C-alpha atoms as a PDB file:
ATOM      1  CA  MET A   1      35.725 107.641  61.795  1.00  0.00           C
ATOM      2  CA  ASN A   2      35.476 104.626  59.535  1.00  0.00           C
ATOM      3  CA  THR A   3      32.284 103.806  57.660  1.00  0.00           C
ATOM      4  CA  PHE A   4      33.372 100.389  56.373  1.00  0.00           C
ATOM      5  CA  SER A   5      32.250  96.989  57.580  1.00  0.00           C
ATOM      6  CA  GLU A   6      35.747  96.200  58.918  1.00  0.00           C
ATOM      7  CA  PRO A   7      37.155  98.053  61.947  1.00  0.00           C
ATOM      8  CA  SER A   8      39.748 100.691  61.085  1.00  0.00           C
ATOM      9  CA  PRO A   9      43.423  99.741  61.299  1.00  0.00           C
ATOM     10  CA  PHE A  10      44.201 103.372  62.188  1.00  0.00           C
ATOM     11  CA  SER A  11      44.044 105.027  65.596  1.00  0.00           C
ATOM     12  CA  LEU A  12      45.168 108.382  66.917  1.00  0.00           C
ATOM     13  CA  ALA A  13      48.429 108.405  68.869  1.00  0.00           C
ATOM     14  CA  ALA A  14      50.643 111.041  70.438  1.00  0.00           C
ATOM     15  CA  GLY A  15      52.485 112.815  67.644  1.00  0.00           C
ATOM     16  CA  GLY A  16      50.816 110.891  64.840  1.00  0.00           C
ATOM     17  CA  LEU A  17      48.864 107.789  64.035  1.00  0.00           C
ATOM     18  CA  ARG A  18      49.103 104.125  64.924  1.00  0.00           C
ATOM     19  CA  VAL A  19      48.458 101.531  62.216  1.00  0.00           C
ATOM     20  CA  ARG A  20      47.931  97.849  62.893  1.00  0.00           C
ATOM     21  CA  ILE A  21      49.397  95.380  60.419  1.00  0.00           C
ATOM     22  CA  HIS A  22      49.004  91.648  59.961  1.00  0.00           C
ATOM     23  CA  ALA A  23      52.121  90.662  58.017  1.00  0.00           C
ATOM     24  CA  ARG A  24      52.897  87.714  55.788  1.00  0.00           C
ATOM     25  CA  PRO A  25      56.595  87.587  54.872  1.00  0.00           C
ATOM     26  CA  GLY A  26      57.902  85.461  52.011  1.00  0.00           C
ATOM     27  CA  GLY A  27      55.060  86.377  49.652  1.00  0.00           C
ATOM     28  CA  ARG A  28      55.107  86.675  45.871  1.00  0.00           C
ATOM     29  CA  ARG A  29      55.075  90.478  45.914  1.00  0.00           C
ATOM     30  CA  ASP A  30      54.982  93.452  48.238  1.00  0.00           C
ATOM     31  CA  GLU A  31      51.366  94.561  48.572  1.00  0.00           C
ATOM     32  CA  ILE A  32      48.492  95.432  50.844  1.00  0.00           C
ATOM     33  CA  VAL A  33      46.040  92.584  50.333  1.00  0.00           C
ATOM     34  CA  GLY A  34      43.094  93.370  52.578  1.00  0.00           C
ATOM     35  CA  LEU A  35      41.655  94.119  55.971  1.00  0.00           C
ATOM     36  CA  ARG A  36      41.436  91.780  58.912  1.00  0.00           C
ATOM     37  CA  ALA A  37      39.251  92.062  61.997  1.00  0.00           C
ATOM     38  CA  GLU A  38      41.230  91.457  65.183  1.00  0.00           C
ATOM     39  CA  ALA A  39      40.561  91.837  68.869  1.00  0.00           C
ATOM     40  CA  GLY A  40      40.683  95.536  69.641  1.00  0.00           C
ATOM     41  CA  GLY A  41      40.243  96.719  66.035  1.00  0.00           C
ATOM     42  CA  GLY A  42      41.191  96.052  62.467  1.00  0.00           C
ATOM     43  CA  ALA A  43      44.515  95.456  60.770  1.00  0.00           C
ATOM     44  CA  LEU A  44      45.813  95.844  57.237  1.00  0.00           C
ATOM     45  CA  ARG A  45      46.858  92.516  55.768  1.00  0.00           C
ATOM     46  CA  VAL A  46      50.236  93.005  54.124  1.00  0.00           C
ATOM     47  CA  THR A  47      52.436  90.578  52.239  1.00  0.00           C
ATOM     48  CA  VAL A  48      56.104  91.197  51.441  1.00  0.00           C
ATOM     49  CA  ARG A  49      58.713  89.193  49.535  1.00  0.00           C
ATOM     50  CA  ALA A  50      61.340  89.659  52.221  1.00  0.00           C
ATOM     51  CA  ALA A  51      62.002  86.862  54.661  1.00  0.00           C
ATOM     52  CA  ALA A  52      61.201  87.256  58.342  1.00  0.00           C
ATOM     53  CA  GLU A  53      64.842  87.423  59.389  1.00  0.00           C
ATOM     54  CA  ASP A  54      67.051  90.214  60.703  1.00  0.00           C
ATOM     55  CA  GLY A  55      64.255  92.792  60.337  1.00  0.00           C
ATOM     56  CA  LYS A  56      64.122  92.434  56.537  1.00  0.00           C
ATOM     57  CA  ALA A  57      60.352  91.952  56.416  1.00  0.00           C
ATOM     58  CA  ASN A  58      59.775  94.904  58.772  1.00  0.00           C
ATOM     59  CA  ALA A  59      61.936  97.130  56.567  1.00  0.00           C
ATOM     60  CA  ALA A  60      60.001  95.956  53.496  1.00  0.00           C
ATOM     61  CA  ILE A  61      56.709  96.827  55.205  1.00  0.00           C
ATOM     62  CA  VAL A  62      57.968 100.332  56.008  1.00  0.00           C
ATOM     63  CA  LYS A  63      59.046 100.779  52.381  1.00  0.00           C
ATOM     64  CA  LEU A  64      55.674  99.518  51.102  1.00  0.00           C
ATOM     65  CA  LEU A  65      53.627 101.755  53.410  1.00  0.00           C
ATOM     66  CA  ALA A  66      55.779 104.810  52.699  1.00  0.00           C
ATOM     67  CA  GLY A  67      55.361 104.299  48.952  1.00  0.00           C
ATOM     68  CA  GLU A  68      51.633 103.585  49.109  1.00  0.00           C
ATOM     69  CA  TRP A  69      50.875 106.574  51.320  1.00  0.00           C
ATOM     70  CA  GLU A  70      53.550 108.916  49.921  1.00  0.00           C
ATOM     71  CA  LEU A  71      55.179 109.410  53.315  1.00  0.00           C
ATOM     72  CA  PRO A  72      58.882 109.629  54.143  1.00  0.00           C
ATOM     73  CA  ARG A  73      60.209 106.286  55.386  1.00  0.00           C
ATOM     74  CA  ALA A  74      61.702 108.082  58.374  1.00  0.00           C
ATOM     75  CA  SER A  75      58.181 109.005  59.542  1.00  0.00           C
ATOM     76  CA  ILE A  76      57.211 105.327  59.958  1.00  0.00           C
ATOM     77  CA  SER A  77      58.547 103.368  62.909  1.00  0.00           C
ATOM     78  CA  LEU A  78      57.810  99.930  64.307  1.00  0.00           C
ATOM     79  CA  LEU A  79      56.188 100.055  67.753  1.00  0.00           C
ATOM     80  CA  THR A  80      55.405  96.419  68.516  1.00  0.00           C
ATOM     81  CA  GLY A  81      55.675  93.027  66.874  1.00  0.00           C
ATOM     82  CA  ALA A  82      59.248  92.971  65.614  1.00  0.00           C
ATOM     83  CA  LYS A  83      59.128  89.153  65.496  1.00  0.00           C
ATOM     84  CA  ASP A  84      55.371  88.662  65.212  1.00  0.00           C
ATOM     85  CA  ARG A  85      52.892  88.748  62.335  1.00  0.00           C
ATOM     86  CA  ARG A  86      50.806  91.260  64.302  1.00  0.00           C
ATOM     87  CA  LYS A  87      52.578  94.588  64.255  1.00  0.00           C
ATOM     88  CA  SER A  88      51.929  98.201  65.147  1.00  0.00           C
ATOM     89  CA  PHE A  89      53.622 101.062  63.378  1.00  0.00           C
ATOM     90  CA  HIS A  90      53.693 104.743  64.329  1.00  0.00           C
ATOM     91  CA  LEU A  91      53.280 107.326  61.580  1.00  0.00           C
ATOM     92  CA  ALA A  92      54.725 110.668  62.678  1.00  0.00           C
ATOM     93  CA  GLY A  93      52.761 113.789  61.834  1.00  0.00           C
ATOM     94  CA  GLU A  94      49.657 115.744  62.750  1.00  0.00           C
ATOM     95  CA  PRO A  95      47.259 113.045  63.998  1.00  0.00           C
ATOM     96  CA  GLN A  96      43.947 114.386  62.655  1.00  0.00           C
ATOM     97  CA  ALA A  97      45.404 115.235  59.236  1.00  0.00           C
ATOM     98  CA  LEU A  98      47.010 111.785  58.920  1.00  0.00           C
ATOM     99  CA  LEU A  99      43.798 110.062  60.014  1.00  0.00           C
ATOM    100  CA  ALA A 100      41.679 111.964  57.482  1.00  0.00           C
ATOM    101  CA  ARG A 101      44.195 111.287  54.716  1.00  0.00           C
ATOM    102  CA  LEU A 102      44.544 107.565  55.430  1.00  0.00           C
ATOM    103  CA  GLU A 103      40.823 106.972  56.028  1.00  0.00           C
ATOM    104  CA  GLY A 104      40.314 108.571  52.596  1.00  0.00           C
ATOM    105  CA  TRP A 105      42.958 106.257  51.149  1.00  0.00           C
ATOM    106  CA  LEU A 106      41.287 103.261  52.824  1.00  0.00           C
ATOM    107  CA  LYS A 107      37.907 104.159  51.363  1.00  0.00           C
ATOM    108  CA  LYS A 108      39.345 104.405  47.838  1.00  0.00           C
ATOM    109  CA  TRP A 109      41.412 101.264  48.328  1.00  0.00           C
ATOM    110  CA  THR A 110      38.426  99.190  49.494  1.00  0.00           C
ATOM    111  CA  GLU A 111      36.323 100.415  46.572  1.00  0.00           C
ATOM    112  CA  GLN A 112      38.999  99.205  44.134  1.00  0.00           C
ATOM    113  CA  ALA A 113      39.563  95.869  45.859  1.00  0.00           C
END
């Protein structure tokens, strides 16, 4: 699936794709800053300006991912980690098509970084 040195943050899930996120709220800007190896796979390192209170940071992550990947916000939902830095989001759609699209994005993104 992934030909990079870091494990992929993406995995197939029923009705879409699962993406693992390592979040840092209270940052200077909203951005994807890198990849992180974690037990069981990789995670995208994301920083957002929003504070980690009342779901504000989670909402900012959804907005960031939707904008970066040109997906409707409604297709991205938080699965686990509502109050943790380690989060899993579900991206609704055809799993194989989403995986191919986002692995392509990841390849381009890592080449630019």
